[in-house]
Amino acid sequence: MQDSNVKSDLNVSKDPDEWVSGDDPMTPSQASYLKTLCEQAGEETDFDERLSKAEASKRIDALKAKLKL
């Protein structure tokens, strides 16, 4: 029997606001992907290279939803 405190689904994503390193600058991979998504969404001018990891993750999710990816 599983301990009720253990998540049964290990693929559950943690909220970016709860990430320990969420305030760190976004990674180069995030920046590249975010820039590509901004271009695809016609929002090139909205790309901000100063976003944190958490902010970039949320922006990526929003753009993916907008683009229905």
PDB file of N, CA and C in Angstrom:
ATOM      1  N   MET A   1       0.842  -1.182   0.000  1.00  0.00           N
ATOM      2  CA  MET A   1       0.000   0.000   0.000  1.00  0.00           C
ATOM      3  C   MET A   1       0.883   1.240   0.000  1.00  0.00           C
ATOM      4  N   GLN A   2       0.495   2.235  -0.789  1.00  0.00           N
ATOM      5  CA  GLN A   2       1.293   3.449  -0.890  1.00  0.00           C
ATOM      6  C   GLN A   2       1.039   4.379   0.278  1.00  0.00           C
ATOM      7  N   ASP A   3       2.072   5.077   0.670  1.00  0.00           N
ATOM      8  CA  ASP A   3       1.949   6.114   1.676  1.00  0.00           C
ATOM      9  C   ASP A   3       1.108   7.241   1.082  1.00  0.00           C
ATOM     10  N   SER A   4       0.125   7.721   1.802  1.00  0.00           N
ATOM     11  CA  SER A   4      -0.763   8.752   1.270  1.00  0.00           C
ATOM     12  C   SER A   4      -0.048  10.076   1.036  1.00  0.00           C
ATOM     13  N   ASN A   5       1.127  10.247   1.613  1.00  0.00           N
ATOM     14  CA  ASN A   5       1.885  11.480   1.414  1.00  0.00           C
ATOM     15  C   ASN A   5       2.749  11.446   0.162  1.00  0.00           C
ATOM     16  N   VAL A   6       2.847  10.284  -0.465  1.00  0.00           N
ATOM     17  CA  VAL A   6       3.658  10.135  -1.667  1.00  0.00           C
ATOM     18  C   VAL A   6       2.762  10.344  -2.874  1.00  0.00           C
ATOM     19  N   LYS A   7       3.208  11.194  -3.793  1.00  0.00           N
ATOM     20  CA  LYS A   7       2.420  11.427  -4.997  1.00  0.00           C
ATOM     21  C   LYS A   7       2.397  10.158  -5.829  1.00  0.00           C
ATOM     22  N   SER A   8       1.216   9.769  -6.261  1.00  0.00           N
ATOM     23  CA  SER A   8       1.110   8.566  -7.075  1.00  0.00           C
ATOM     24  C   SER A   8       1.541   8.830  -8.505  1.00  0.00           C
ATOM     25  N   ASP A   9       1.465  10.073  -8.948  1.00  0.00           N
ATOM     26  CA  ASP A   9       1.859  10.422 -10.306  1.00  0.00           C
ATOM     27  C   ASP A   9       3.115  11.274 -10.234  1.00  0.00           C
ATOM     28  N   LEU A  10       4.239  10.685 -10.572  1.00  0.00           N
ATOM     29  CA  LEU A  10       5.501  11.404 -10.479  1.00  0.00           C
ATOM     30  C   LEU A  10       5.662  12.443 -11.575  1.00  0.00           C
ATOM     31  N   ASN A  11       4.772  12.451 -12.558  1.00  0.00           N
ATOM     32  CA  ASN A  11       4.844  13.416 -13.642  1.00  0.00           C
ATOM     33  C   ASN A  11       4.088  14.705 -13.333  1.00  0.00           C
ATOM     34  N   VAL A  12       3.553  14.822 -12.139  1.00  0.00           N
ATOM     35  CA  VAL A  12       2.829  16.029 -11.766  1.00  0.00           C
ATOM     36  C   VAL A  12       3.820  17.183 -11.727  1.00  0.00           C
ATOM     37  N   SER A  13       3.490  18.241 -12.438  1.00  0.00           N
ATOM     38  CA  SER A  13       4.383  19.393 -12.489  1.00  0.00           C
ATOM     39  C   SER A  13       4.143  20.293 -11.298  1.00  0.00           C
ATOM     40  N   LYS A  14       5.220  20.790 -10.768  1.00  0.00           N
ATOM     41  CA  LYS A  14       5.140  21.729  -9.669  1.00  0.00           C
ATOM     42  C   LYS A  14       4.898  23.122 -10.242  1.00  0.00           C
ATOM     43  N   ASP A  15       4.117  23.914  -9.556  1.00  0.00           N
ATOM     44  CA  ASP A  15       3.846  25.282  -9.973  1.00  0.00           C
ATOM     45  C   ASP A  15       5.167  26.042 -10.062  1.00  0.00           C
ATOM     46  N   PRO A  16       5.424  26.716 -11.192  1.00  0.00           N
ATOM     47  CA  PRO A  16       6.683  27.449 -11.337  1.00  0.00           C
ATOM     48  C   PRO A  16       6.947  28.444 -10.204  1.00  0.00           C
ATOM     49  N   ASP A  17       5.892  28.972  -9.607  1.00  0.00           N
ATOM     50  CA  ASP A  17       6.076  29.905  -8.494  1.00  0.00           C
ATOM     51  C   ASP A  17       6.655  29.219  -7.261  1.00  0.00           C
ATOM     52  N   GLU A  18       6.600  27.894  -7.231  1.00  0.00           N
ATOM     53  CA  GLU A  18       7.115  27.140  -6.094  1.00  0.00           C
ATOM     54  C   GLU A  18       8.505  26.564  -6.350  1.00  0.00           C
ATOM     55  N   TRP A  19       9.047  26.783  -7.538  1.00  0.00           N
ATOM     56  CA  TRP A  19      10.372  26.262  -7.855  1.00  0.00           C
ATOM     57  C   TRP A  19      11.422  26.925  -6.973  1.00  0.00           C
ATOM     58  N   VAL A  20      12.346  26.134  -6.474  1.00  0.00           N
ATOM     59  CA  VAL A  20      13.437  26.664  -5.660  1.00  0.00           C
ATOM     60  C   VAL A  20      14.291  27.621  -6.487  1.00  0.00           C
ATOM     61  N   SER A  21      14.523  27.278  -7.740  1.00  0.00           N
ATOM     62  CA  SER A  21      15.368  28.111  -8.605  1.00  0.00           C
ATOM     63  C   SER A  21      14.537  28.975  -9.553  1.00  0.00           C
ATOM     64  N   GLY A  22      13.273  29.173  -9.235  1.00  0.00           N
ATOM     65  CA  GLY A  22      12.376  29.916 -10.110  1.00  0.00           C
ATOM     66  C   GLY A  22      12.771  31.361 -10.353  1.00  0.00           C
ATOM     67  N   ASP A  23      13.514  31.941  -9.411  1.00  0.00           N
ATOM     68  CA  ASP A  23      13.939  33.332  -9.566  1.00  0.00           C
ATOM     69  C   ASP A  23      15.230  33.471 -10.363  1.00  0.00           C
ATOM     70  N   ASP A  24      15.868  32.348 -10.666  1.00  0.00           N
ATOM     71  CA  ASP A  24      17.086  32.388 -11.480  1.00  0.00           C
ATOM     72  C   ASP A  24      16.728  32.825 -12.895  1.00  0.00           C
ATOM     73  N   PRO A  25      17.697  33.365 -13.623  1.00  0.00           N
ATOM     74  CA  PRO A  25      17.421  33.729 -15.020  1.00  0.00           C
ATOM     75  C   PRO A  25      17.009  32.506 -15.830  1.00  0.00           C
ATOM     76  N   MET A  26      16.159  32.729 -16.831  1.00  0.00           N
ATOM     77  CA  MET A  26      15.733  31.601 -17.656  1.00  0.00           C
ATOM     78  C   MET A  26      16.951  30.958 -18.314  1.00  0.00           C
ATOM     79  N   THR A  27      16.808  29.695 -18.606  1.00  0.00           N
ATOM     80  CA  THR A  27      17.898  28.949 -19.221  1.00  0.00           C
ATOM     81  C   THR A  27      18.001  29.315 -20.702  1.00  0.00           C
ATOM     82  N   PRO A  28      19.146  29.050 -21.304  1.00  0.00           N
ATOM     83  CA  PRO A  28      19.268  29.290 -22.750  1.00  0.00           C
ATOM     84  C   PRO A  28      18.221  28.514 -23.557  1.00  0.00           C
ATOM     85  N   SER A  29      17.897  27.309 -23.123  1.00  0.00           N
ATOM     86  CA  SER A  29      16.876  26.515 -23.823  1.00  0.00           C
ATOM     87  C   SER A  29      15.511  27.178 -23.730  1.00  0.00           C
ATOM     88  N   GLN A  30      15.178  27.668 -22.548  1.00  0.00           N
ATOM     89  CA  GLN A  30      13.908  28.373 -22.390  1.00  0.00           C
ATOM     90  C   GLN A  30      13.876  29.615 -23.275  1.00  0.00           C
ATOM     91  N   ALA A  31      14.966  30.357 -23.290  1.00  0.00           N
ATOM     92  CA  ALA A  31      15.026  31.587 -24.086  1.00  0.00           C
ATOM     93  C   ALA A  31      14.820  31.289 -25.564  1.00  0.00           C
ATOM     94  N   SER A  32      15.475  30.259 -26.047  1.00  0.00           N
ATOM     95  CA  SER A  32      15.355  29.892 -27.452  1.00  0.00           C
ATOM     96  C   SER A  32      13.929  29.477 -27.798  1.00  0.00           C
ATOM     97  N   TYR A  33      13.347  28.631 -26.955  1.00  0.00           N
ATOM     98  CA  TYR A  33      11.993  28.148 -27.204  1.00  0.00           C
ATOM     99  C   TYR A  33      10.990  29.297 -27.097  1.00  0.00           C
ATOM    100  N   LEU A  34      11.167  30.135 -26.098  1.00  0.00           N
ATOM    101  CA  LEU A  34      10.265  31.263 -25.912  1.00  0.00           C
ATOM    102  C   LEU A  34      10.338  32.228 -27.095  1.00  0.00           C
ATOM    103  N   LYS A  35      11.529  32.470 -27.572  1.00  0.00           N
ATOM    104  CA  LYS A  35      11.692  33.362 -28.727  1.00  0.00           C
ATOM    105  C   LYS A  35      10.985  32.776 -29.950  1.00  0.00           C
ATOM    106  N   THR A  36      11.141  31.479 -30.158  1.00  0.00           N
ATOM    107  CA  THR A  36      10.473  30.809 -31.275  1.00  0.00           C
ATOM    108  C   THR A  36       8.959  30.910 -31.146  1.00  0.00           C
ATOM    109  N   LEU A  37       8.442  30.654 -29.948  1.00  0.00           N
ATOM    110  CA  LEU A  37       6.995  30.738 -29.739  1.00  0.00           C
ATOM    111  C   LEU A  37       6.481  32.159 -29.943  1.00  0.00           C
ATOM    112  N   CYS A  38       7.233  33.139 -29.465  1.00  0.00           N
ATOM    113  CA  CYS A  38       6.839  34.540 -29.666  1.00  0.00           C
ATOM    114  C   CYS A  38       6.746  34.856 -31.155  1.00  0.00           C
ATOM    115  N   GLU A  39       7.717  34.388 -31.915  1.00  0.00           N
ATOM    116  CA  GLU A  39       7.705  34.617 -33.362  1.00  0.00           C
ATOM    117  C   GLU A  39       6.501  33.942 -34.004  1.00  0.00           C
ATOM    118  N   GLN A  40       6.223  32.703 -33.609  1.00  0.00           N
ATOM    119  CA  GLN A  40       5.092  31.973 -34.183  1.00  0.00           C
ATOM    120  C   GLN A  40       3.766  32.640 -33.838  1.00  0.00           C
ATOM    121  N   ALA A  41       3.704  33.264 -32.672  1.00  0.00           N
ATOM    122  CA  ALA A  41       2.469  33.910 -32.229  1.00  0.00           C
ATOM    123  C   ALA A  41       2.369  35.353 -32.716  1.00  0.00           C
ATOM    124  N   GLY A  42       3.389  35.810 -33.447  1.00  0.00           N
ATOM    125  CA  GLY A  42       3.384  37.192 -33.922  1.00  0.00           C
ATOM    126  C   GLY A  42       3.629  38.190 -32.809  1.00  0.00           C
ATOM    127  N   GLU A  43       4.325  37.745 -31.769  1.00  0.00           N
ATOM    128  CA  GLU A  43       4.583  38.596 -30.611  1.00  0.00           C
ATOM    129  C   GLU A  43       6.086  38.776 -30.387  1.00  0.00           C
ATOM    130  N   GLU A  44       6.811  38.977 -31.484  1.00  0.00           N
ATOM    131  CA  GLU A  44       8.267  39.101 -31.395  1.00  0.00           C
ATOM    132  C   GLU A  44       8.697  40.203 -30.434  1.00  0.00           C
ATOM    133  N   THR A  45       7.946  41.289 -30.418  1.00  0.00           N
ATOM    134  CA  THR A  45       8.324  42.422 -29.570  1.00  0.00           C
ATOM    135  C   THR A  45       8.068  42.148 -28.090  1.00  0.00           C
ATOM    136  N   ASP A  46       7.330  41.079 -27.792  1.00  0.00           N
ATOM    137  CA  ASP A  46       7.039  40.739 -26.397  1.00  0.00           C
ATOM    138  C   ASP A  46       8.087  39.823 -25.774  1.00  0.00           C
ATOM    139  N   PHE A  47       9.089  39.427 -26.557  1.00  0.00           N
ATOM    140  CA  PHE A  47      10.141  38.573 -26.003  1.00  0.00           C
ATOM    141  C   PHE A  47      10.989  39.397 -25.039  1.00  0.00           C
ATOM    142  N   ASP A  48      11.134  38.897 -23.821  1.00  0.00           N
ATOM    143  CA  ASP A  48      11.915  39.590 -22.790  1.00  0.00           C
ATOM    144  C   ASP A  48      12.998  38.649 -22.288  1.00  0.00           C
ATOM    145  N   GLU A  49      14.222  38.943 -22.635  1.00  0.00           N
ATOM    146  CA  GLU A  49      15.336  38.063 -22.258  1.00  0.00           C
ATOM    147  C   GLU A  49      15.678  38.135 -20.776  1.00  0.00           C
ATOM    148  N   ARG A  50      15.013  39.003 -20.038  1.00  0.00           N
ATOM    149  CA  ARG A  50      15.309  39.158 -18.607  1.00  0.00           C
ATOM    150  C   ARG A  50      14.378  38.359 -17.706  1.00  0.00           C
ATOM    151  N   LEU A  51      13.539  37.510 -18.274  1.00  0.00           N
ATOM    152  CA  LEU A  51      12.596  36.740 -17.461  1.00  0.00           C
ATOM    153  C   LEU A  51      13.315  35.719 -16.583  1.00  0.00           C
ATOM    154  N   SER A  52      12.686  35.414 -15.470  1.00  0.00           N
ATOM    155  CA  SER A  52      13.196  34.346 -14.604  1.00  0.00           C
ATOM    156  C   SER A  52      12.758  33.001 -15.179  1.00  0.00           C
ATOM    157  N   LYS A  53      13.292  31.935 -14.617  1.00  0.00           N
ATOM    158  CA  LYS A  53      12.890  30.590 -15.049  1.00  0.00           C
ATOM    159  C   LYS A  53      11.378  30.400 -14.903  1.00  0.00           C
ATOM    160  N   ALA A  54      10.851  30.817 -13.763  1.00  0.00           N
ATOM    161  CA  ALA A  54       9.421  30.637 -13.509  1.00  0.00           C
ATOM    162  C   ALA A  54       8.584  31.484 -14.458  1.00  0.00           C
ATOM    163  N   GLU A  55       8.978  32.735 -14.658  1.00  0.00           N
ATOM    164  CA  GLU A  55       8.235  33.612 -15.568  1.00  0.00           C
ATOM    165  C   GLU A  55       8.274  33.070 -16.998  1.00  0.00           C
ATOM    166  N   ALA A  56       9.441  32.599 -17.408  1.00  0.00           N
ATOM    167  CA  ALA A  56       9.582  32.044 -18.755  1.00  0.00           C
ATOM    168  C   ALA A  56       8.694  30.813 -18.923  1.00  0.00           C
ATOM    169  N   SER A  57       8.660  29.967 -17.918  1.00  0.00           N
ATOM    170  CA  SER A  57       7.840  28.765 -17.989  1.00  0.00           C
ATOM    171  C   SER A  57       6.363  29.120 -18.152  1.00  0.00           C
ATOM    172  N   LYS A  58       5.912  30.089 -17.386  1.00  0.00           N
ATOM    173  CA  LYS A  58       4.508  30.502 -17.481  1.00  0.00           C
ATOM    174  C   LYS A  58       4.214  31.136 -18.837  1.00  0.00           C
ATOM    175  N   ARG A  59       5.148  31.918 -19.346  1.00  0.00           N
ATOM    176  CA  ARG A  59       4.965  32.564 -20.658  1.00  0.00           C
ATOM    177  C   ARG A  59       4.942  31.504 -21.763  1.00  0.00           C
ATOM    178  N   ILE A  60       5.821  30.522 -21.655  1.00  0.00           N
ATOM    179  CA  ILE A  60       5.843  29.422 -22.625  1.00  0.00           C
ATOM    180  C   ILE A  60       4.502  28.687 -22.611  1.00  0.00           C
ATOM    181  N   ASP A  61       4.005  28.383 -21.429  1.00  0.00           N
ATOM    182  CA  ASP A  61       2.712  27.691 -21.322  1.00  0.00           C
ATOM    183  C   ASP A  61       1.592  28.518 -21.949  1.00  0.00           C
ATOM    184  N   ALA A  62       1.610  29.824 -21.705  1.00  0.00           N
ATOM    185  CA  ALA A  62       0.570  30.696 -22.254  1.00  0.00           C
ATOM    186  C   ALA A  62       0.636  30.742 -23.781  1.00  0.00           C
ATOM    187  N   LEU A  63       1.836  30.838 -24.315  1.00  0.00           N
ATOM    188  CA  LEU A  63       1.980  30.884 -25.769  1.00  0.00           C
ATOM    189  C   LEU A  63       1.615  29.547 -26.405  1.00  0.00           C
ATOM    190  N   LYS A  64       1.982  28.453 -25.753  1.00  0.00           N
ATOM    191  CA  LYS A  64       1.606  27.136 -26.274  1.00  0.00           C
ATOM    192  C   LYS A  64       0.089  26.995 -26.312  1.00  0.00           C
ATOM    193  N   ALA A  65      -0.581  27.495 -25.291  1.00  0.00           N
ATOM    194  CA  ALA A  65      -2.043  27.437 -25.265  1.00  0.00           C
ATOM    195  C   ALA A  65      -2.623  28.307 -26.378  1.00  0.00           C
ATOM    196  N   LYS A  66      -2.058  29.483 -26.548  1.00  0.00           N
ATOM    197  CA  LYS A  66      -2.536  30.387 -27.595  1.00  0.00           C
ATOM    198  C   LYS A  66      -2.368  29.759 -28.975  1.00  0.00           C
ATOM    199  N   LEU A  67      -1.237  29.096 -29.169  1.00  0.00           N
ATOM    200  CA  LEU A  67      -0.937  28.478 -30.457  1.00  0.00           C
ATOM    201  C   LEU A  67      -1.542  27.078 -30.591  1.00  0.00           C
ATOM    202  N   LYS A  68      -2.187  26.625 -29.522  1.00  0.00           N
ATOM    203  CA  LYS A  68      -2.806  25.294 -29.477  1.00  0.00           C
ATOM    204  C   LYS A  68      -1.792  24.192 -29.756  1.00  0.00           C
ATOM    205  N   LEU A  69      -0.664  24.287 -29.066  1.00  0.00           N
ATOM    206  CA  LEU A  69       0.393  23.276 -29.199  1.00  0.00           C
ATOM    207  C   LEU A  69       0.325  22.296 -28.051  1.00  0.00           C
TER     208      LEU A  69
END
